[in-house]
Amino acid sequence: MHNNKQWTIVVVIAAVALTGWLIAGCGGGGGGPATGVSGSTVIVDNDPPEPAGGVTVTVGGQQSVSNDDGNFTVTGVPAGTWEVVVTSAFWVPVVEPPEVVVVAGQITTLGAPILMSSFGPPPPPL
């Protein structure tokens, strides 16, 4: 009978240690900073240049829409190198948007604005 008590104590200690190890391995409460991409002033190539609101910005499968000041933040972007994709019903990119390197736990800020142009009138008939 003495042997069964020893095994019970060993099993309980092992279970407690395993539970602590699993909780520590899960990364805790996840209170760290978000991972994502931030940009400021998505510029419209008009005279004069002005911010473009309502532009959808997609990075790493996550989306955001620029506000009236042309600013956006796409959160939840996995770490890695991603293309920045911009789409809008009213604007088109002037040049291909950049690729960004997203680091886990950090917000990556774009170094330059994304230049956009409004749709012009349709071309004259031929």
C-alpha atoms as a PDB file:
ATOM      1  CA  MET A   1       0.000   0.000   0.000  1.00  0.00           C
ATOM      2  CA  HIS A   2       2.901   2.302   0.693  1.00  0.00           C
ATOM      3  CA  ASN A   3       3.951   1.911  -2.940  1.00  0.00           C
ATOM      4  CA  ASN A   4       0.573   3.145  -4.301  1.00  0.00           C
ATOM      5  CA  LYS A   5       0.821   6.395  -2.298  1.00  0.00           C
ATOM      6  CA  GLN A   6       4.261   7.085  -3.737  1.00  0.00           C
ATOM      7  CA  TRP A   7       2.959   6.593  -7.294  1.00  0.00           C
ATOM      8  CA  THR A   8      -0.004   8.888  -6.615  1.00  0.00           C
ATOM      9  CA  ILE A   9       2.323  11.630  -5.385  1.00  0.00           C
ATOM     10  CA  VAL A  10       4.591  11.208  -8.438  1.00  0.00           C
ATOM     11  CA  VAL A  11       1.594  11.385 -10.819  1.00  0.00           C
ATOM     12  CA  VAL A  12       0.232  14.535  -9.122  1.00  0.00           C
ATOM     13  CA  ILE A  13       3.640  16.250  -9.237  1.00  0.00           C
ATOM     14  CA  ALA A  14       4.061  15.308 -12.892  1.00  0.00           C
ATOM     15  CA  ALA A  15       0.571  16.624 -13.732  1.00  0.00           C
ATOM     16  CA  VAL A  16       1.231  19.942 -11.986  1.00  0.00           C
ATOM     17  CA  ALA A  17       4.605  20.321 -13.729  1.00  0.00           C
ATOM     18  CA  LEU A  18       3.091  19.473 -17.123  1.00  0.00           C
ATOM     19  CA  THR A  19       0.272  22.004 -16.621  1.00  0.00           C
ATOM     20  CA  GLY A  20       2.771  24.750 -15.749  1.00  0.00           C
ATOM     21  CA  TRP A  21       4.897  23.874 -18.768  1.00  0.00           C
ATOM     22  CA  LEU A  22       1.862  23.987 -21.098  1.00  0.00           C
ATOM     23  CA  ILE A  23       0.699  27.356 -19.742  1.00  0.00           C
ATOM     24  CA  ALA A  24       4.201  28.836 -20.117  1.00  0.00           C
ATOM     25  CA  GLY A  25       4.453  27.450 -23.657  1.00  0.00           C
ATOM     26  CA  CYS A  26       1.233  29.167 -24.701  1.00  0.00           C
ATOM     27  CA  GLY A  27       2.860  32.570 -24.390  1.00  0.00           C
ATOM     28  CA  GLY A  28       0.898  33.878 -21.443  1.00  0.00           C
ATOM     29  CA  GLY A  29      -1.877  36.421 -21.723  1.00  0.00           C
ATOM     30  CA  GLY A  30      -0.964  37.846 -25.142  1.00  0.00           C
ATOM     31  CA  GLY A  31      -0.774  41.417 -23.876  1.00  0.00           C
ATOM     32  CA  GLY A  32       2.094  42.322 -26.218  1.00  0.00           C
ATOM     33  CA  PRO A  33       1.931  44.868 -29.033  1.00  0.00           C
ATOM     34  CA  ALA A  34       0.015  44.096 -32.207  1.00  0.00           C
ATOM     35  CA  THR A  35       1.754  43.077 -35.406  1.00  0.00           C
ATOM     36  CA  GLY A  36       0.845  45.081 -38.474  1.00  0.00           C
ATOM     37  CA  VAL A  37       1.528  47.837 -40.968  1.00  0.00           C
ATOM     38  CA  SER A  38       0.808  51.545 -40.570  1.00  0.00           C
ATOM     39  CA  GLY A  39       0.818  54.207 -43.232  1.00  0.00           C
ATOM     40  CA  SER A  40       0.225  57.867 -43.232  1.00  0.00           C
ATOM     41  CA  THR A  41      -1.231  60.005 -45.960  1.00  0.00           C
ATOM     42  CA  VAL A  42      -2.166  57.943 -48.952  1.00  0.00           C
ATOM     43  CA  ILE A  43      -1.674  60.862 -51.376  1.00  0.00           C
ATOM     44  CA  VAL A  44      -3.969  61.620 -54.317  1.00  0.00           C
ATOM     45  CA  ASP A  45      -2.059  62.797 -57.371  1.00  0.00           C
ATOM     46  CA  ASN A  46      -4.315  65.816 -57.999  1.00  0.00           C
ATOM     47  CA  ASP A  47      -3.665  69.560 -58.007  1.00  0.00           C
ATOM     48  CA  PRO A  48      -3.173  70.204 -55.147  1.00  0.00           C
ATOM     49  CA  PRO A  49      -2.215  66.817 -53.682  1.00  0.00           C
ATOM     50  CA  GLU A  50      -4.637  65.737 -50.971  1.00  0.00           C
ATOM     51  CA  PRO A  51      -5.221  62.699 -48.759  1.00  0.00           C
ATOM     52  CA  ALA A  52      -7.297  59.821 -50.098  1.00  0.00           C
ATOM     53  CA  GLY A  53      -9.866  58.388 -47.716  1.00  0.00           C
ATOM     54  CA  GLY A  54     -11.719  55.153 -48.348  1.00  0.00           C
ATOM     55  CA  VAL A  55      -8.759  53.322 -49.903  1.00  0.00           C
ATOM     56  CA  THR A  56      -8.641  49.626 -48.932  1.00  0.00           C
ATOM     57  CA  VAL A  57      -5.144  48.522 -47.923  1.00  0.00           C
ATOM     58  CA  THR A  58      -4.431  44.769 -47.754  1.00  0.00           C
ATOM     59  CA  VAL A  59      -1.273  43.283 -46.244  1.00  0.00           C
ATOM     60  CA  GLY A  60      -0.762  39.607 -45.452  1.00  0.00           C
ATOM     61  CA  GLY A  61      -4.445  38.812 -45.900  1.00  0.00           C
ATOM     62  CA  GLN A  62      -5.544  41.533 -43.438  1.00  0.00           C
ATOM     63  CA  GLN A  63      -7.382  44.710 -44.508  1.00  0.00           C
ATOM     64  CA  SER A  64      -7.961  48.264 -43.379  1.00  0.00           C
ATOM     65  CA  VAL A  65      -9.536  51.332 -44.968  1.00  0.00           C
ATOM     66  CA  SER A  66      -7.773  54.710 -44.963  1.00  0.00           C
ATOM     67  CA  ASN A  67      -9.497  57.467 -43.015  1.00  0.00           C
ATOM     68  CA  ASP A  68     -10.253  60.963 -44.367  1.00  0.00           C
ATOM     69  CA  ASP A  69      -6.653  62.005 -43.605  1.00  0.00           C
ATOM     70  CA  GLY A  70      -5.313  59.106 -45.701  1.00  0.00           C
ATOM     71  CA  ASN A  71      -3.983  57.232 -42.665  1.00  0.00           C
ATOM     72  CA  PHE A  72      -4.434  53.505 -42.075  1.00  0.00           C
ATOM     73  CA  THR A  73      -3.270  50.692 -39.810  1.00  0.00           C
ATOM     74  CA  VAL A  74      -3.583  47.047 -40.827  1.00  0.00           C
ATOM     75  CA  THR A  75      -3.326  44.841 -37.729  1.00  0.00           C
ATOM     76  CA  GLY A  76      -2.987  41.100 -37.278  1.00  0.00           C
ATOM     77  CA  VAL A  77      -0.484  40.798 -40.135  1.00  0.00           C
ATOM     78  CA  PRO A  78       1.722  37.721 -39.712  1.00  0.00           C
ATOM     79  CA  ALA A  79       5.490  38.228 -39.613  1.00  0.00           C
ATOM     80  CA  GLY A  80       7.145  38.048 -43.032  1.00  0.00           C
ATOM     81  CA  THR A  81       7.612  39.994 -46.249  1.00  0.00           C
ATOM     82  CA  TRP A  82       4.324  41.113 -47.784  1.00  0.00           C
ATOM     83  CA  GLU A  83       3.089  43.120 -50.746  1.00  0.00           C
ATOM     84  CA  VAL A  84       0.973  46.153 -49.914  1.00  0.00           C
ATOM     85  CA  VAL A  85      -2.154  46.014 -52.096  1.00  0.00           C
ATOM     86  CA  VAL A  86      -4.345  49.116 -52.460  1.00  0.00           C
ATOM     87  CA  THR A  87      -7.800  49.120 -54.033  1.00  0.00           C
ATOM     88  CA  SER A  88     -10.509  51.723 -54.372  1.00  0.00           C
ATOM     89  CA  ALA A  89     -13.614  52.472 -56.388  1.00  0.00           C
ATOM     90  CA  PHE A  90     -12.356  56.025 -57.012  1.00  0.00           C
ATOM     91  CA  TRP A  91      -8.540  55.892 -57.026  1.00  0.00           C
ATOM     92  CA  VAL A  92      -5.806  53.875 -58.727  1.00  0.00           C
ATOM     93  CA  PRO A  93      -2.170  53.491 -57.612  1.00  0.00           C
ATOM     94  CA  VAL A  94       0.284  55.666 -59.558  1.00  0.00           C
ATOM     95  CA  VAL A  95       3.160  53.255 -58.897  1.00  0.00           C
ATOM     96  CA  GLU A  96       3.199  49.748 -57.498  1.00  0.00           C
ATOM     97  CA  PRO A  97       2.963  49.934 -53.680  1.00  0.00           C
ATOM     98  CA  PRO A  98       6.003  48.661 -51.773  1.00  0.00           C
ATOM     99  CA  GLU A  99       6.703  45.360 -50.090  1.00  0.00           C
ATOM    100  CA  VAL A 100       7.059  45.528 -46.323  1.00  0.00           C
ATOM    101  CA  VAL A 101       8.902  43.376 -43.825  1.00  0.00           C
ATOM    102  CA  VAL A 102       6.636  42.767 -40.830  1.00  0.00           C
ATOM    103  CA  VAL A 103       8.343  41.779 -37.568  1.00  0.00           C
ATOM    104  CA  ALA A 104       6.350  39.858 -34.950  1.00  0.00           C
ATOM    105  CA  GLY A 105       5.051  42.132 -32.196  1.00  0.00           C
ATOM    106  CA  GLN A 106       5.793  45.377 -34.068  1.00  0.00           C
ATOM    107  CA  ILE A 107       3.891  47.859 -36.196  1.00  0.00           C
ATOM    108  CA  THR A 108       5.859  48.522 -39.403  1.00  0.00           C
ATOM    109  CA  THR A 109       5.496  52.099 -40.661  1.00  0.00           C
ATOM    110  CA  LEU A 110       5.710  52.696 -44.400  1.00  0.00           C
ATOM    111  CA  GLY A 111       8.593  55.020 -45.222  1.00  0.00           C
ATOM    112  CA  ALA A 112       6.817  56.833 -48.064  1.00  0.00           C
ATOM    113  CA  PRO A 113       3.224  57.607 -48.993  1.00  0.00           C
ATOM    114  CA  ILE A 114       1.333  55.459 -51.463  1.00  0.00           C
ATOM    115  CA  LEU A 115       0.609  57.701 -54.454  1.00  0.00           C
ATOM    116  CA  MET A 116      -2.886  57.432 -55.892  1.00  0.00           C
ATOM    117  CA  SER A 117      -4.626  59.137 -58.803  1.00  0.00           C
ATOM    118  CA  SER A 118      -8.322  59.773 -59.313  1.00  0.00           C
ATOM    119  CA  PHE A 119     -10.012  58.300 -62.346  1.00  0.00           C
ATOM    120  CA  GLY A 120     -10.060  60.788 -65.177  1.00  0.00           C
ATOM    121  CA  PRO A 121     -12.782  61.248 -67.777  1.00  0.00           C
ATOM    122  CA  PRO A 122     -13.167  58.464 -70.331  1.00  0.00           C
ATOM    123  CA  PRO A 123     -10.965  58.767 -73.428  1.00  0.00           C
ATOM    124  CA  PRO A 124     -12.554  60.321 -76.516  1.00  0.00           C
ATOM    125  CA  PRO A 125     -14.008  57.896 -79.097  1.00  0.00           C
ATOM    126  CA  LEU A 126     -11.709  56.916 -81.952  1.00  0.00           C
END
